[in-house]
N, C-alpha and C. Protein backbone atom coordinates (compact mmCIF):
# COMPACT_ATOMS: atom_id res chain seq x y z
N MET A 1 11.10 -3.71 11.71
CA MET A 1 9.75 -4.18 11.90
C MET A 1 9.76 -5.71 11.86
N SER A 2 9.16 -6.32 12.84
CA SER A 2 9.15 -7.78 12.89
C SER A 2 7.83 -8.31 12.32
N TYR A 3 7.89 -9.50 11.87
CA TYR A 3 6.74 -10.16 11.28
C TYR A 3 6.24 -11.21 12.27
N ASP A 4 4.99 -11.10 12.67
CA ASP A 4 4.41 -12.03 13.64
C ASP A 4 3.62 -13.10 12.89
N LEU A 5 4.27 -14.23 12.66
CA LEU A 5 3.65 -15.31 11.90
C LEU A 5 2.41 -15.86 12.60
N ASN A 6 2.46 -15.97 13.93
CA ASN A 6 1.30 -16.48 14.66
C ASN A 6 0.10 -15.55 14.50
N LYS A 7 0.32 -14.26 14.54
CA LYS A 7 -0.78 -13.29 14.37
C LYS A 7 -1.38 -13.41 12.97
N GLU A 8 -0.53 -13.49 11.95
CA GLU A 8 -1.01 -13.64 10.57
C GLU A 8 -1.78 -14.94 10.40
N TYR A 9 -1.27 -16.01 10.98
CA TYR A 9 -1.95 -17.31 10.90
C TYR A 9 -3.32 -17.23 11.56
N ASN A 10 -3.39 -16.64 12.75
CA ASN A 10 -4.66 -16.52 13.46
C ASN A 10 -5.65 -15.66 12.68
N ASN A 11 -5.18 -14.58 12.07
CA ASN A 11 -6.06 -13.75 11.23
C ASN A 11 -6.59 -14.54 10.05
N PHE A 12 -5.73 -15.32 9.44
CA PHE A 12 -6.12 -16.16 8.31
C PHE A 12 -7.20 -17.16 8.74
N ILE A 13 -6.97 -17.85 9.84
CA ILE A 13 -7.94 -18.85 10.34
C ILE A 13 -9.26 -18.18 10.70
N ASN A 14 -9.19 -17.01 11.34
CA ASN A 14 -10.42 -16.30 11.70
C ASN A 14 -11.21 -15.90 10.45
N ASN A 15 -10.51 -15.46 9.41
CA ASN A 15 -11.17 -15.08 8.17
C ASN A 15 -11.81 -16.29 7.49
N ILE A 16 -11.11 -17.40 7.45
CA ILE A 16 -11.66 -18.63 6.87
C ILE A 16 -12.91 -19.06 7.65
N THR A 17 -12.82 -19.02 8.97
CA THR A 17 -13.94 -19.43 9.81
C THR A 17 -15.15 -18.53 9.57
N LYS A 18 -14.92 -17.22 9.49
CA LYS A 18 -16.00 -16.27 9.23
C LYS A 18 -16.67 -16.58 7.89
N ASN A 19 -15.88 -16.87 6.87
CA ASN A 19 -16.43 -17.14 5.55
C ASN A 19 -17.15 -18.48 5.49
N ILE A 20 -16.65 -19.47 6.20
CA ILE A 20 -17.35 -20.76 6.27
C ILE A 20 -18.69 -20.59 6.98
N ASN A 21 -18.72 -19.78 8.02
CA ASN A 21 -19.99 -19.50 8.71
C ASN A 21 -20.97 -18.80 7.77
N LYS A 22 -20.48 -17.88 6.95
CA LYS A 22 -21.32 -17.19 5.98
C LYS A 22 -21.90 -18.19 4.97
N ILE A 23 -21.06 -19.08 4.48
CA ILE A 23 -21.49 -20.11 3.54
C ILE A 23 -22.53 -21.03 4.17
N ASN A 24 -22.28 -21.46 5.41
CA ASN A 24 -23.24 -22.34 6.10
C ASN A 24 -24.58 -21.64 6.31
N TYR A 25 -24.56 -20.37 6.64
CA TYR A 25 -25.79 -19.61 6.81
C TYR A 25 -26.60 -19.57 5.51
N ILE A 26 -25.92 -19.29 4.41
CA ILE A 26 -26.61 -19.26 3.12
C ILE A 26 -27.13 -20.64 2.76
N ASP A 27 -26.33 -21.68 2.98
CA ASP A 27 -26.77 -23.05 2.69
C ASP A 27 -28.01 -23.42 3.50
N ASN A 28 -28.06 -22.98 4.75
CA ASN A 28 -29.18 -23.34 5.61
C ASN A 28 -30.44 -22.52 5.32
N ASN A 29 -30.30 -21.33 4.77
CA ASN A 29 -31.45 -20.44 4.60
C ASN A 29 -31.79 -20.08 3.16
N TYR A 30 -30.81 -20.18 2.25
CA TYR A 30 -31.02 -19.69 0.89
C TYR A 30 -30.42 -20.63 -0.16
N SER A 31 -30.44 -21.91 0.09
CA SER A 31 -29.75 -22.85 -0.80
C SER A 31 -30.32 -22.88 -2.22
N LYS A 32 -31.61 -22.56 -2.38
CA LYS A 32 -32.24 -22.58 -3.71
C LYS A 32 -32.42 -21.18 -4.28
N SER A 33 -31.92 -20.17 -3.58
CA SER A 33 -32.11 -18.77 -3.99
C SER A 33 -30.95 -18.28 -4.84
N TYR A 34 -31.22 -17.23 -5.61
CA TYR A 34 -30.15 -16.56 -6.33
C TYR A 34 -29.51 -15.54 -5.39
N ILE A 35 -28.19 -15.58 -5.32
CA ILE A 35 -27.43 -14.75 -4.39
C ILE A 35 -26.47 -13.86 -5.18
N HIS A 36 -26.35 -12.62 -4.73
CA HIS A 36 -25.36 -11.70 -5.29
C HIS A 36 -24.59 -11.09 -4.12
N THR A 37 -23.27 -10.97 -4.26
CA THR A 37 -22.47 -10.31 -3.23
C THR A 37 -21.88 -9.03 -3.80
N SER A 38 -21.66 -8.05 -2.92
CA SER A 38 -21.17 -6.75 -3.36
C SER A 38 -20.32 -6.12 -2.25
N PRO A 39 -19.29 -5.36 -2.64
CA PRO A 39 -18.48 -4.67 -1.63
C PRO A 39 -19.18 -3.42 -1.09
N GLU A 40 -20.22 -2.94 -1.78
CA GLU A 40 -20.98 -1.75 -1.37
C GLU A 40 -22.46 -2.06 -1.45
N PRO A 41 -23.28 -1.30 -0.73
CA PRO A 41 -24.73 -1.52 -0.83
C PRO A 41 -25.23 -1.26 -2.25
N LEU A 42 -26.16 -2.09 -2.70
CA LEU A 42 -26.82 -1.85 -3.98
C LEU A 42 -27.94 -0.85 -3.75
N THR A 43 -28.09 0.07 -4.67
CA THR A 43 -29.18 1.05 -4.59
C THR A 43 -29.95 1.03 -5.91
N LYS A 44 -31.19 1.51 -5.88
CA LYS A 44 -31.99 1.58 -7.11
C LYS A 44 -31.30 2.45 -8.15
N LYS A 45 -30.70 3.56 -7.70
CA LYS A 45 -30.03 4.47 -8.64
C LYS A 45 -28.88 3.76 -9.34
N LYS A 46 -28.07 3.03 -8.58
CA LYS A 46 -26.94 2.32 -9.19
C LYS A 46 -27.42 1.26 -10.17
N LEU A 47 -28.48 0.56 -9.79
CA LEU A 47 -29.02 -0.47 -10.67
C LEU A 47 -29.63 0.14 -11.92
N LYS A 48 -30.39 1.21 -11.75
CA LYS A 48 -31.07 1.86 -12.88
C LYS A 48 -30.07 2.47 -13.86
N ASN A 49 -28.99 3.03 -13.36
CA ASN A 49 -28.01 3.69 -14.22
C ASN A 49 -26.88 2.77 -14.65
N ASN A 50 -27.05 1.48 -14.41
CA ASN A 50 -26.07 0.47 -14.80
C ASN A 50 -24.68 0.79 -14.24
N LEU A 51 -24.64 1.22 -13.00
CA LEU A 51 -23.36 1.50 -12.35
C LEU A 51 -22.87 0.30 -11.56
N ILE A 52 -23.53 -0.81 -11.72
CA ILE A 52 -23.20 -1.98 -10.92
C ILE A 52 -21.78 -2.47 -11.17
N ASP A 53 -21.28 -2.30 -12.39
CA ASP A 53 -19.94 -2.78 -12.70
C ASP A 53 -18.88 -2.07 -11.87
N ASN A 54 -19.08 -0.78 -11.60
CA ASN A 54 -18.09 -0.02 -10.85
C ASN A 54 -18.01 -0.46 -9.39
N ILE A 55 -19.15 -0.82 -8.81
CA ILE A 55 -19.09 -1.20 -7.40
C ILE A 55 -18.77 -2.67 -7.21
N THR A 56 -19.15 -3.49 -8.17
CA THR A 56 -18.92 -4.92 -7.98
C THR A 56 -17.53 -5.32 -8.43
N PHE A 57 -17.06 -4.79 -9.51
CA PHE A 57 -15.81 -5.25 -10.07
C PHE A 57 -14.70 -4.21 -10.11
N GLY A 58 -15.02 -2.92 -9.97
CA GLY A 58 -13.99 -1.91 -10.15
C GLY A 58 -13.61 -1.87 -11.61
N TYR A 59 -12.32 -1.80 -11.90
CA TYR A 59 -11.86 -1.81 -13.30
C TYR A 59 -12.21 -3.14 -13.93
N GLN A 60 -12.82 -3.11 -15.07
CA GLN A 60 -13.30 -4.31 -15.73
C GLN A 60 -12.48 -4.60 -16.98
N SER A 61 -11.70 -5.62 -16.94
CA SER A 61 -10.93 -6.04 -18.10
C SER A 61 -11.83 -6.85 -19.04
N VAL A 62 -11.53 -6.81 -20.32
CA VAL A 62 -12.31 -7.62 -21.26
C VAL A 62 -12.09 -9.11 -21.03
N TYR A 63 -11.09 -9.46 -20.24
CA TYR A 63 -10.82 -10.86 -19.96
C TYR A 63 -11.57 -11.34 -18.72
N GLU A 64 -12.30 -10.44 -18.07
CA GLU A 64 -13.12 -10.83 -16.94
C GLU A 64 -14.57 -10.94 -17.39
N ASN A 65 -15.47 -11.10 -16.43
CA ASN A 65 -16.88 -11.24 -16.75
C ASN A 65 -17.45 -9.96 -17.35
N PRO A 66 -18.43 -10.09 -18.23
CA PRO A 66 -19.11 -8.90 -18.73
C PRO A 66 -19.79 -8.14 -17.59
N VAL A 67 -20.05 -6.85 -17.81
CA VAL A 67 -20.68 -6.01 -16.80
C VAL A 67 -22.10 -6.50 -16.54
N GLY A 68 -22.51 -6.48 -15.29
CA GLY A 68 -23.86 -6.86 -14.92
C GLY A 68 -23.88 -7.44 -13.53
N ILE A 69 -25.05 -7.83 -13.10
CA ILE A 69 -25.18 -8.48 -11.79
C ILE A 69 -25.04 -9.97 -12.02
N TRP A 70 -24.03 -10.54 -11.40
CA TRP A 70 -23.78 -11.98 -11.52
C TRP A 70 -24.37 -12.66 -10.30
N LEU A 71 -25.05 -13.77 -10.54
CA LEU A 71 -25.74 -14.49 -9.48
C LEU A 71 -25.21 -15.90 -9.36
N SER A 72 -25.33 -16.43 -8.17
CA SER A 72 -25.08 -17.85 -7.99
C SER A 72 -26.29 -18.46 -7.32
N THR A 73 -26.41 -19.76 -7.43
CA THR A 73 -27.47 -20.45 -6.71
C THR A 73 -26.93 -20.80 -5.34
N GLY A 74 -27.55 -20.27 -4.31
CA GLY A 74 -27.07 -20.51 -2.96
C GLY A 74 -25.64 -20.02 -2.80
N SER A 75 -24.85 -20.80 -2.12
CA SER A 75 -23.48 -20.39 -1.80
C SER A 75 -22.44 -20.92 -2.78
N ASP A 76 -22.86 -21.42 -3.93
CA ASP A 76 -21.92 -22.04 -4.87
C ASP A 76 -20.74 -21.12 -5.22
N TRP A 77 -21.03 -19.86 -5.53
CA TRP A 77 -19.98 -18.92 -5.90
C TRP A 77 -19.03 -18.67 -4.73
N LEU A 78 -19.58 -18.54 -3.54
CA LEU A 78 -18.74 -18.30 -2.37
C LEU A 78 -17.86 -19.51 -2.06
N LYS A 79 -18.39 -20.71 -2.27
CA LYS A 79 -17.57 -21.92 -2.06
C LYS A 79 -16.40 -21.93 -3.03
N TRP A 80 -16.67 -21.61 -4.28
CA TRP A 80 -15.58 -21.54 -5.25
C TRP A 80 -14.58 -20.46 -4.85
N SER A 81 -15.09 -19.31 -4.43
CA SER A 81 -14.23 -18.20 -4.03
C SER A 81 -13.36 -18.57 -2.84
N LEU A 82 -13.90 -19.35 -1.92
CA LEU A 82 -13.12 -19.79 -0.76
C LEU A 82 -11.96 -20.69 -1.20
N MET A 83 -12.22 -21.55 -2.17
CA MET A 83 -11.18 -22.48 -2.62
C MET A 83 -10.05 -21.77 -3.36
N VAL A 84 -10.36 -20.70 -4.07
CA VAL A 84 -9.34 -20.02 -4.87
C VAL A 84 -8.90 -18.70 -4.25
N ASN A 85 -9.38 -18.42 -3.04
CA ASN A 85 -9.05 -17.17 -2.33
C ASN A 85 -9.42 -15.95 -3.18
N ASN A 86 -10.64 -15.97 -3.68
CA ASN A 86 -11.14 -14.94 -4.58
C ASN A 86 -11.56 -13.69 -3.82
N LYS A 87 -11.43 -12.52 -4.44
CA LYS A 87 -11.75 -11.24 -3.80
C LYS A 87 -13.23 -11.09 -3.46
N TRP A 88 -14.13 -11.79 -4.15
CA TRP A 88 -15.55 -11.63 -3.89
C TRP A 88 -15.98 -12.28 -2.58
N LEU A 89 -15.18 -13.17 -2.07
CA LEU A 89 -15.54 -13.87 -0.84
C LEU A 89 -15.74 -12.92 0.33
N ASN A 90 -14.98 -11.84 0.36
CA ASN A 90 -15.04 -10.93 1.49
C ASN A 90 -16.05 -9.80 1.31
N ASN A 91 -16.83 -9.83 0.24
CA ASN A 91 -17.86 -8.80 0.07
C ASN A 91 -18.84 -8.87 1.23
N PRO A 92 -19.03 -7.75 1.94
CA PRO A 92 -19.89 -7.80 3.13
C PRO A 92 -21.39 -7.78 2.84
N TYR A 93 -21.79 -7.38 1.63
CA TYR A 93 -23.21 -7.28 1.32
C TYR A 93 -23.64 -8.48 0.49
N ILE A 94 -24.60 -9.20 1.02
CA ILE A 94 -25.12 -10.39 0.35
C ILE A 94 -26.61 -10.19 0.12
N TYR A 95 -27.03 -10.37 -1.13
CA TYR A 95 -28.42 -10.13 -1.49
C TYR A 95 -29.06 -11.39 -2.04
N GLU A 96 -30.30 -11.61 -1.66
CA GLU A 96 -31.11 -12.62 -2.30
C GLU A 96 -31.84 -11.91 -3.44
N ILE A 97 -31.70 -12.43 -4.66
CA ILE A 97 -32.27 -11.80 -5.84
C ILE A 97 -33.45 -12.64 -6.33
N THR A 98 -34.57 -11.98 -6.56
CA THR A 98 -35.75 -12.64 -7.11
C THR A 98 -35.92 -12.19 -8.55
N LEU A 99 -35.98 -13.13 -9.45
CA LEU A 99 -36.16 -12.83 -10.86
C LEU A 99 -37.64 -12.82 -11.18
N LYS A 100 -38.14 -11.70 -11.69
CA LYS A 100 -39.56 -11.59 -12.02
C LYS A 100 -39.84 -12.12 -13.42
N LYS A 101 -38.91 -11.90 -14.34
CA LYS A 101 -39.12 -12.33 -15.72
C LYS A 101 -37.96 -13.23 -16.13
N LYS A 102 -38.05 -14.49 -15.77
CA LYS A 102 -36.97 -15.43 -16.06
C LYS A 102 -36.78 -15.64 -17.56
N ASN A 103 -37.81 -15.34 -18.36
CA ASN A 103 -37.67 -15.53 -19.80
C ASN A 103 -36.74 -14.50 -20.43
N LYS A 104 -36.32 -13.46 -19.67
CA LYS A 104 -35.38 -12.48 -20.20
C LYS A 104 -33.96 -12.71 -19.70
N ILE A 105 -33.74 -13.83 -19.04
CA ILE A 105 -32.42 -14.18 -18.50
C ILE A 105 -31.89 -15.37 -19.29
N LEU A 106 -30.65 -15.27 -19.70
CA LEU A 106 -30.02 -16.40 -20.37
C LEU A 106 -29.34 -17.28 -19.33
N PHE A 107 -29.76 -18.51 -19.26
CA PHE A 107 -29.15 -19.48 -18.37
C PHE A 107 -28.28 -20.41 -19.22
N ILE A 108 -27.00 -20.42 -18.96
CA ILE A 108 -26.07 -21.30 -19.67
C ILE A 108 -25.84 -22.50 -18.77
N LYS A 109 -26.26 -23.67 -19.24
CA LYS A 109 -26.28 -24.85 -18.39
C LYS A 109 -25.15 -25.85 -18.66
N ASN A 110 -24.46 -25.69 -19.78
CA ASN A 110 -23.40 -26.65 -20.07
C ASN A 110 -22.39 -26.02 -21.03
N VAL A 111 -21.33 -26.74 -21.30
CA VAL A 111 -20.24 -26.21 -22.12
C VAL A 111 -20.70 -25.93 -23.54
N LYS A 112 -21.52 -26.80 -24.10
CA LYS A 112 -22.01 -26.60 -25.47
C LYS A 112 -22.77 -25.28 -25.59
N GLU A 113 -23.64 -24.98 -24.61
CA GLU A 113 -24.38 -23.72 -24.63
C GLU A 113 -23.43 -22.52 -24.48
N LEU A 114 -22.38 -22.68 -23.70
CA LEU A 114 -21.40 -21.61 -23.53
C LEU A 114 -20.66 -21.35 -24.84
N ILE A 115 -20.28 -22.39 -25.53
CA ILE A 115 -19.59 -22.24 -26.82
C ILE A 115 -20.50 -21.56 -27.83
N ASN A 116 -21.79 -21.96 -27.87
CA ASN A 116 -22.74 -21.33 -28.79
C ASN A 116 -22.93 -19.85 -28.45
N PHE A 117 -23.00 -19.52 -27.15
CA PHE A 117 -23.11 -18.14 -26.72
C PHE A 117 -21.89 -17.34 -27.18
N ASP A 118 -20.73 -17.91 -26.99
CA ASP A 118 -19.49 -17.25 -27.38
C ASP A 118 -19.47 -16.99 -28.89
N LYS A 119 -19.85 -17.96 -29.69
CA LYS A 119 -19.86 -17.80 -31.15
C LYS A 119 -20.86 -16.73 -31.59
N LYS A 120 -21.99 -16.66 -30.91
CA LYS A 120 -23.04 -15.73 -31.32
C LYS A 120 -22.77 -14.29 -30.88
N TYR A 121 -22.24 -14.09 -29.67
CA TYR A 121 -22.18 -12.74 -29.11
C TYR A 121 -20.78 -12.14 -28.98
N CYS A 122 -19.74 -12.93 -29.05
CA CYS A 122 -18.39 -12.37 -28.87
C CYS A 122 -17.83 -11.90 -30.20
N LYS A 123 -17.17 -10.77 -30.16
CA LYS A 123 -16.50 -10.24 -31.34
C LYS A 123 -15.00 -10.29 -31.06
N TYR A 124 -14.27 -10.79 -32.00
CA TYR A 124 -12.85 -10.97 -31.81
C TYR A 124 -12.07 -10.02 -32.71
N ASP A 125 -11.00 -9.48 -32.19
CA ASP A 125 -10.00 -8.84 -33.02
C ASP A 125 -8.66 -9.46 -32.61
N TYR A 126 -7.59 -8.94 -33.12
CA TYR A 126 -6.31 -9.59 -32.87
C TYR A 126 -5.83 -9.43 -31.42
N LYS A 127 -6.44 -8.53 -30.64
CA LYS A 127 -5.99 -8.31 -29.26
C LYS A 127 -6.98 -8.74 -28.19
N THR A 128 -8.26 -8.62 -28.47
CA THR A 128 -9.23 -8.81 -27.40
C THR A 128 -10.41 -9.64 -27.82
N ARG A 129 -11.16 -10.07 -26.83
CA ARG A 129 -12.44 -10.73 -27.04
C ARG A 129 -13.44 -9.86 -26.32
N ILE A 130 -14.40 -9.32 -27.02
CA ILE A 130 -15.37 -8.39 -26.44
C ILE A 130 -16.76 -8.96 -26.57
N ILE A 131 -17.49 -8.92 -25.47
CA ILE A 131 -18.88 -9.39 -25.50
C ILE A 131 -19.78 -8.17 -25.50
């Protein structure tokens, strides 16, 4: 079996171009909106039964993000994903999320707030960090 470097390169460039177009679309239309990406369609049943972790992340290690719907403002998350070749970049489903009760959402705005959150909610044992 031969390896076609030109074909692989062209596929790579096409994928990058597709993702840059996705980012530009979000920047032009949803730059101030909360965005969530998913590999599968979100449904009310999945959201109600807290099954979102299975479709968004698959197996969830304690060293990854806690279970839940993670949001970014505009395309910020996708831009980061593009730079690090992250698996979330290729999620085909992109949702604009509207928060009805912002007072029930914790917004961590800086490192100090993140450290305080970690001290308050994380439990440590000798092997893991669990939130």
